[in-house]
Amino acid sequence: MAYRLLADAVLLLHLGFILFVVFGALLVARRRRLLPVHLAAAAWGVGIEVIGGVCPLTHAEVWLRSLAGGAGYSGGFVEHYLLPLIYPGALTRGLQFGLAAGVLFINAALYLWIFRHRLPRPAGQGR
């Protein structure tokens, strides 16, 4: 039971990381110190998709599920509703490139908005 709970916790952490990769620029708009952390996370997210790699969190979760005696992803709420978001069934190389492009586009748009509208302007300059 403990391994299954740990696997669920890793899955939730993985989902949180993915959301941070995609939408972390929104946090940067409020907390500028998160900028290098978010840029590194976004680079990792794009990179893992472009090279077709597997995130270490995936390996950790699978390992914990195997220790729990699991042979797949059937079971409770976490597996039923969150796993399809993190592990799409038809993940092809084209979809991976599309996901990477989506992350780049969303973050570029958010950072453009942040730097145009949220950064303080020098005195004497209007919008």
N, C-alpha and C. Protein backbone atom coordinates (compact mmCIF):
# COMPACT_ATOMS: atom_id res chain seq x y z
N MET A 1 0.82 -1.20 0.00
CA MET A 1 0.00 0.00 0.00
C MET A 1 0.87 1.27 0.00
N ALA A 2 1.98 1.23 0.75
CA ALA A 2 2.85 2.41 0.83
C ALA A 2 3.49 2.71 -0.52
N TYR A 3 3.90 1.65 -1.25
CA TYR A 3 4.51 1.88 -2.56
C TYR A 3 3.50 2.46 -3.55
N ARG A 4 2.26 2.02 -3.45
CA ARG A 4 1.23 2.57 -4.34
C ARG A 4 1.00 4.04 -4.03
N LEU A 5 0.97 4.40 -2.77
CA LEU A 5 0.80 5.81 -2.40
C LEU A 5 1.99 6.63 -2.87
N LEU A 6 3.19 6.09 -2.74
CA LEU A 6 4.37 6.80 -3.24
C LEU A 6 4.32 6.95 -4.76
N ALA A 7 3.88 5.91 -5.45
CA ALA A 7 3.75 6.00 -6.90
C ALA A 7 2.72 7.06 -7.28
N ASP A 8 1.61 7.12 -6.55
CA ASP A 8 0.60 8.17 -6.81
C ASP A 8 1.18 9.56 -6.53
N ALA A 9 2.00 9.67 -5.48
CA ALA A 9 2.62 10.96 -5.17
C ALA A 9 3.58 11.37 -6.29
N VAL A 10 4.34 10.42 -6.83
CA VAL A 10 5.25 10.73 -7.94
C VAL A 10 4.44 11.15 -9.17
N LEU A 11 3.31 10.48 -9.41
CA LEU A 11 2.46 10.85 -10.52
C LEU A 11 1.94 12.28 -10.37
N LEU A 12 1.51 12.65 -9.18
CA LEU A 12 1.04 14.02 -8.93
C LEU A 12 2.18 15.02 -9.08
N LEU A 13 3.36 14.67 -8.60
CA LEU A 13 4.53 15.53 -8.78
C LEU A 13 4.83 15.71 -10.26
N HIS A 14 4.72 14.64 -11.02
CA HIS A 14 4.96 14.69 -12.46
C HIS A 14 3.95 15.61 -13.14
N LEU A 15 2.69 15.50 -12.77
CA LEU A 15 1.66 16.38 -13.32
C LEU A 15 1.95 17.83 -12.96
N GLY A 16 2.34 18.08 -11.72
CA GLY A 16 2.69 19.43 -11.29
C GLY A 16 3.86 19.99 -12.08
N PHE A 17 4.85 19.14 -12.33
CA PHE A 17 6.01 19.58 -13.12
C PHE A 17 5.59 19.93 -14.54
N ILE A 18 4.75 19.10 -15.14
CA ILE A 18 4.28 19.36 -16.50
C ILE A 18 3.52 20.68 -16.55
N LEU A 19 2.66 20.92 -15.57
CA LEU A 19 1.91 22.18 -15.53
C LEU A 19 2.86 23.37 -15.35
N PHE A 20 3.90 23.19 -14.55
CA PHE A 20 4.90 24.25 -14.35
C PHE A 20 5.66 24.51 -15.65
N VAL A 21 6.01 23.45 -16.37
CA VAL A 21 6.71 23.61 -17.65
C VAL A 21 5.85 24.42 -18.61
N VAL A 22 4.57 24.09 -18.70
CA VAL A 22 3.70 24.73 -19.68
C VAL A 22 3.27 26.13 -19.24
N PHE A 23 2.91 26.28 -17.98
CA PHE A 23 2.32 27.54 -17.53
C PHE A 23 3.12 28.27 -16.46
N GLY A 24 4.35 27.84 -16.21
CA GLY A 24 5.17 28.45 -15.17
C GLY A 24 5.46 29.92 -15.37
N ALA A 25 5.39 30.38 -16.61
CA ALA A 25 5.62 31.81 -16.87
C ALA A 25 4.61 32.66 -16.12
N LEU A 26 3.43 32.12 -15.88
CA LEU A 26 2.44 32.87 -15.10
C LEU A 26 2.91 33.09 -13.67
N LEU A 27 3.61 32.13 -13.12
CA LEU A 27 4.20 32.31 -11.78
C LEU A 27 5.36 33.30 -11.83
N VAL A 28 6.11 33.28 -12.92
CA VAL A 28 7.23 34.21 -13.08
C VAL A 28 6.71 35.65 -13.10
N ALA A 29 5.52 35.85 -13.65
CA ALA A 29 4.94 37.20 -13.68
C ALA A 29 4.76 37.75 -12.27
N ARG A 30 4.53 36.87 -11.30
CA ARG A 30 4.35 37.29 -9.90
C ARG A 30 5.65 37.20 -9.09
N ARG A 31 6.47 36.23 -9.40
CA ARG A 31 7.71 35.99 -8.65
C ARG A 31 8.88 35.90 -9.63
N ARG A 32 9.53 37.01 -9.86
CA ARG A 32 10.61 37.09 -10.86
C ARG A 32 11.75 36.12 -10.57
N ARG A 33 11.96 35.79 -9.32
CA ARG A 33 13.06 34.89 -8.96
C ARG A 33 12.87 33.49 -9.53
N LEU A 34 11.65 33.15 -9.94
CA LEU A 34 11.40 31.84 -10.52
C LEU A 34 11.82 31.74 -11.99
N LEU A 35 12.22 32.86 -12.58
CA LEU A 35 12.57 32.87 -14.00
C LEU A 35 13.61 31.82 -14.37
N PRO A 36 14.77 31.75 -13.70
CA PRO A 36 15.75 30.72 -14.12
C PRO A 36 15.25 29.30 -13.87
N VAL A 37 14.49 29.11 -12.81
CA VAL A 37 13.95 27.78 -12.51
C VAL A 37 12.97 27.37 -13.60
N HIS A 38 12.09 28.29 -13.99
CA HIS A 38 11.12 27.95 -15.02
C HIS A 38 11.78 27.74 -16.37
N LEU A 39 12.74 28.58 -16.72
CA LEU A 39 13.42 28.40 -18.00
C LEU A 39 14.13 27.05 -18.07
N ALA A 40 14.74 26.63 -16.97
CA ALA A 40 15.40 25.32 -16.93
C ALA A 40 14.36 24.19 -17.05
N ALA A 41 13.25 24.32 -16.35
CA ALA A 41 12.20 23.30 -16.42
C ALA A 41 11.60 23.23 -17.83
N ALA A 42 11.35 24.39 -18.43
CA ALA A 42 10.80 24.42 -19.79
C ALA A 42 11.79 23.83 -20.79
N ALA A 43 13.08 24.12 -20.62
CA ALA A 43 14.09 23.54 -21.50
C ALA A 43 14.12 22.03 -21.36
N TRP A 44 14.01 21.55 -20.13
CA TRP A 44 13.97 20.11 -19.90
C TRP A 44 12.73 19.51 -20.58
N GLY A 45 11.57 20.11 -20.38
CA GLY A 45 10.34 19.59 -20.97
C GLY A 45 10.40 19.53 -22.48
N VAL A 46 10.88 20.60 -23.09
CA VAL A 46 11.01 20.62 -24.55
C VAL A 46 12.05 19.59 -24.99
N GLY A 47 13.18 19.55 -24.30
CA GLY A 47 14.25 18.64 -24.67
C GLY A 47 13.85 17.18 -24.59
N ILE A 48 13.14 16.80 -23.54
CA ILE A 48 12.76 15.40 -23.35
C ILE A 48 11.80 14.97 -24.46
N GLU A 49 10.96 15.91 -24.92
CA GLU A 49 10.05 15.59 -26.02
C GLU A 49 10.79 15.51 -27.35
N VAL A 50 11.70 16.44 -27.59
CA VAL A 50 12.42 16.48 -28.87
C VAL A 50 13.30 15.25 -29.06
N ILE A 51 13.99 14.84 -27.99
CA ILE A 51 14.87 13.67 -28.13
C ILE A 51 14.12 12.35 -27.99
N GLY A 52 12.84 12.42 -27.62
CA GLY A 52 12.06 11.19 -27.47
C GLY A 52 12.42 10.42 -26.21
N GLY A 53 12.92 11.14 -25.23
CA GLY A 53 13.34 10.51 -23.98
C GLY A 53 12.18 10.25 -23.04
N VAL A 54 12.51 9.63 -21.94
CA VAL A 54 11.54 9.33 -20.89
C VAL A 54 11.99 10.03 -19.63
N CYS A 55 11.09 10.77 -19.02
CA CYS A 55 11.40 11.50 -17.80
C CYS A 55 11.75 10.54 -16.66
N PRO A 56 12.73 10.86 -15.85
CA PRO A 56 13.07 10.00 -14.70
C PRO A 56 11.90 9.80 -13.74
N LEU A 57 10.98 10.75 -13.68
CA LEU A 57 9.81 10.57 -12.83
C LEU A 57 8.95 9.40 -13.31
N THR A 58 8.91 9.18 -14.60
CA THR A 58 8.19 8.03 -15.15
C THR A 58 8.82 6.74 -14.67
N HIS A 59 10.14 6.67 -14.75
CA HIS A 59 10.84 5.47 -14.28
C HIS A 59 10.60 5.24 -12.79
N ALA A 60 10.63 6.31 -12.02
CA ALA A 60 10.41 6.18 -10.57
C ALA A 60 9.00 5.66 -10.28
N GLU A 61 8.03 6.20 -11.00
CA GLU A 61 6.66 5.76 -10.77
C GLU A 61 6.46 4.30 -11.14
N VAL A 62 6.97 3.90 -12.30
CA VAL A 62 6.84 2.51 -12.74
C VAL A 62 7.52 1.57 -11.75
N TRP A 63 8.69 1.97 -11.28
CA TRP A 63 9.42 1.16 -10.30
C TRP A 63 8.61 1.00 -9.01
N LEU A 64 8.04 2.11 -8.53
CA LEU A 64 7.24 2.05 -7.31
C LEU A 64 5.98 1.20 -7.52
N ARG A 65 5.37 1.31 -8.68
CA ARG A 65 4.18 0.50 -8.95
C ARG A 65 4.54 -0.99 -9.02
N SER A 66 5.71 -1.30 -9.57
CA SER A 66 6.12 -2.71 -9.60
C SER A 66 6.40 -3.22 -8.19
N LEU A 67 6.97 -2.38 -7.34
CA LEU A 67 7.19 -2.77 -5.94
C LEU A 67 5.86 -2.99 -5.21
N ALA A 68 4.84 -2.26 -5.64
CA ALA A 68 3.52 -2.41 -5.03
C ALA A 68 2.78 -3.62 -5.59
N GLY A 69 3.40 -4.30 -6.56
CA GLY A 69 2.76 -5.48 -7.15
C GLY A 69 1.84 -5.14 -8.30
N GLY A 70 1.88 -3.90 -8.75
CA GLY A 70 1.02 -3.49 -9.86
C GLY A 70 1.58 -3.94 -11.19
N ALA A 71 0.67 -4.21 -12.10
CA ALA A 71 1.09 -4.64 -13.43
C ALA A 71 0.56 -3.69 -14.48
N GLY A 72 0.09 -2.56 -14.07
CA GLY A 72 -0.47 -1.61 -15.03
C GLY A 72 -1.06 -0.43 -14.32
N TYR A 73 -1.93 0.26 -15.00
CA TYR A 73 -2.53 1.46 -14.44
C TYR A 73 -4.03 1.31 -14.30
N SER A 74 -4.45 0.32 -13.59
CA SER A 74 -5.88 0.22 -13.27
C SER A 74 -6.02 0.52 -11.79
N GLY A 75 -7.16 1.00 -11.41
CA GLY A 75 -7.33 1.28 -9.99
C GLY A 75 -8.08 2.54 -9.72
N GLY A 76 -7.53 3.36 -8.86
CA GLY A 76 -8.23 4.50 -8.30
C GLY A 76 -8.31 5.73 -9.18
N PHE A 77 -8.72 6.80 -8.55
CA PHE A 77 -8.96 8.08 -9.20
C PHE A 77 -7.71 8.61 -9.91
N VAL A 78 -6.59 8.55 -9.23
CA VAL A 78 -5.36 9.10 -9.79
C VAL A 78 -5.02 8.40 -11.11
N GLU A 79 -5.05 7.09 -11.10
CA GLU A 79 -4.71 6.35 -12.31
C GLU A 79 -5.74 6.59 -13.43
N HIS A 80 -6.98 6.62 -13.06
CA HIS A 80 -8.03 6.72 -14.07
C HIS A 80 -8.08 8.09 -14.74
N TYR A 81 -7.92 9.16 -13.95
CA TYR A 81 -8.11 10.50 -14.50
C TYR A 81 -6.81 11.23 -14.87
N LEU A 82 -5.73 10.97 -14.14
CA LEU A 82 -4.50 11.72 -14.38
C LEU A 82 -3.52 11.03 -15.33
N LEU A 83 -3.47 9.72 -15.31
CA LEU A 83 -2.53 9.03 -16.18
C LEU A 83 -2.72 9.35 -17.66
N PRO A 84 -3.95 9.40 -18.18
CA PRO A 84 -4.09 9.74 -19.61
C PRO A 84 -3.57 11.14 -19.95
N LEU A 85 -3.56 12.05 -18.98
CA LEU A 85 -3.01 13.38 -19.23
C LEU A 85 -1.49 13.35 -19.36
N ILE A 86 -0.86 12.53 -18.54
CA ILE A 86 0.59 12.49 -18.50
C ILE A 86 1.16 11.49 -19.50
N TYR A 87 0.46 10.40 -19.72
CA TYR A 87 0.93 9.36 -20.63
C TYR A 87 -0.11 9.10 -21.71
N PRO A 88 -0.21 9.98 -22.71
CA PRO A 88 -1.19 9.75 -23.77
C PRO A 88 -0.92 8.43 -24.49
N GLY A 89 -1.99 7.70 -24.80
CA GLY A 89 -1.85 6.38 -25.40
C GLY A 89 -1.22 6.38 -26.78
N ALA A 90 -1.49 7.38 -27.57
CA ALA A 90 -0.99 7.41 -28.95
C ALA A 90 0.17 8.40 -29.09
N LEU A 91 1.13 8.32 -28.20
CA LEU A 91 2.25 9.26 -28.22
C LEU A 91 3.23 8.86 -29.32
N THR A 92 3.20 9.62 -30.41
CA THR A 92 4.09 9.37 -31.54
C THR A 92 5.19 10.43 -31.54
N ARG A 93 6.19 10.25 -32.40
CA ARG A 93 7.26 11.26 -32.51
C ARG A 93 6.67 12.58 -32.98
N GLY A 94 5.73 12.53 -33.91
CA GLY A 94 5.09 13.77 -34.38
C GLY A 94 4.37 14.48 -33.26
N LEU A 95 3.67 13.72 -32.41
CA LEU A 95 2.97 14.33 -31.28
C LEU A 95 3.97 14.90 -30.28
N GLN A 96 5.09 14.21 -30.09
CA GLN A 96 6.11 14.73 -29.18
C GLN A 96 6.66 16.05 -29.69
N PHE A 97 6.92 16.15 -31.00
CA PHE A 97 7.38 17.42 -31.56
C PHE A 97 6.30 18.48 -31.42
N GLY A 98 5.05 18.10 -31.60
CA GLY A 98 3.94 19.04 -31.42
C GLY A 98 3.84 19.53 -29.99
N LEU A 99 4.03 18.63 -29.03
CA LEU A 99 4.01 19.03 -27.61
C LEU A 99 5.15 19.99 -27.32
N ALA A 100 6.33 19.69 -27.84
CA ALA A 100 7.47 20.57 -27.62
C ALA A 100 7.20 21.95 -28.23
N ALA A 101 6.66 21.97 -29.44
CA ALA A 101 6.33 23.25 -30.09
C ALA A 101 5.26 24.00 -29.31
N GLY A 102 4.30 23.27 -28.77
CA GLY A 102 3.26 23.90 -27.96
C GLY A 102 3.82 24.55 -26.70
N VAL A 103 4.73 23.85 -26.04
CA VAL A 103 5.37 24.42 -24.84
C VAL A 103 6.14 25.68 -25.21
N LEU A 104 6.88 25.61 -26.31
CA LEU A 104 7.64 26.80 -26.74
C LEU A 104 6.70 27.95 -27.08
N PHE A 105 5.64 27.69 -27.81
CA PHE A 105 4.71 28.73 -28.22
C PHE A 105 4.01 29.36 -27.01
N ILE A 106 3.48 28.53 -26.13
CA ILE A 106 2.77 29.04 -24.95
C ILE A 106 3.71 29.90 -24.10
N ASN A 107 4.92 29.40 -23.85
CA ASN A 107 5.85 30.16 -23.02
C ASN A 107 6.35 31.41 -23.70
N ALA A 108 6.59 31.36 -24.99
CA ALA A 108 7.01 32.57 -25.71
C ALA A 108 5.92 33.63 -25.63
N ALA A 109 4.68 33.23 -25.82
CA ALA A 109 3.57 34.18 -25.74
C ALA A 109 3.43 34.76 -24.33
N LEU A 110 3.54 33.91 -23.32
CA LEU A 110 3.43 34.39 -21.94
C LEU A 110 4.57 35.32 -21.58
N TYR A 111 5.79 34.96 -21.95
CA TYR A 111 6.93 35.83 -21.64
C TYR A 111 6.87 37.14 -22.42
N LEU A 112 6.40 37.10 -23.63
CA LEU A 112 6.23 38.33 -24.39
C LEU A 112 5.25 39.25 -23.69
N TRP A 113 4.15 38.68 -23.23
CA TRP A 113 3.16 39.48 -22.50
C TRP A 113 3.76 40.01 -21.20
N ILE A 114 4.47 39.17 -20.47
CA ILE A 114 5.06 39.60 -19.19
C ILE A 114 6.03 40.75 -19.41
N PHE A 115 6.92 40.61 -20.37
CA PHE A 115 7.94 41.63 -20.56
C PHE A 115 7.38 42.90 -21.17
N ARG A 116 6.28 42.82 -21.88
CA ARG A 116 5.67 44.03 -22.44
C ARG A 116 4.77 44.76 -21.45
N HIS A 117 4.10 44.01 -20.60
CA HIS A 117 3.08 44.62 -19.74
C HIS A 117 3.40 44.62 -18.26
N ARG A 118 4.30 43.81 -17.83
CA ARG A 118 4.53 43.67 -16.40
C ARG A 118 5.84 44.26 -15.91
N LEU A 119 6.82 44.40 -16.77
CA LEU A 119 8.08 44.97 -16.32
C LEU A 119 7.93 46.47 -16.09
N PRO A 120 8.51 46.99 -15.03
CA PRO A 120 8.43 48.44 -14.83
C PRO A 120 9.16 49.17 -15.96
N ARG A 121 8.57 50.25 -16.40
CA ARG A 121 9.15 51.05 -17.49
C ARG A 121 9.98 52.18 -16.88
N PRO A 122 11.03 52.59 -17.57
CA PRO A 122 11.82 53.72 -17.09
C PRO A 122 10.96 54.97 -16.98
N ALA A 123 11.31 55.84 -16.06
CA ALA A 123 10.54 57.06 -15.85
C ALA A 123 10.47 57.88 -17.14
N GLY A 124 9.32 58.44 -17.43
CA GLY A 124 9.16 59.29 -18.59
C GLY A 124 8.68 58.57 -19.84
N GLN A 125 8.59 57.22 -19.77
CA GLN A 125 8.12 56.48 -20.93
C GLN A 125 6.70 56.01 -20.68
N GLY A 126 5.87 56.16 -21.68
CA GLY A 126 4.48 55.70 -21.57
C GLY A 126 4.36 54.28 -22.03
N ARG A 127 3.14 53.79 -22.05
CA ARG A 127 2.87 52.42 -22.50
C ARG A 127 2.99 52.42 -23.94
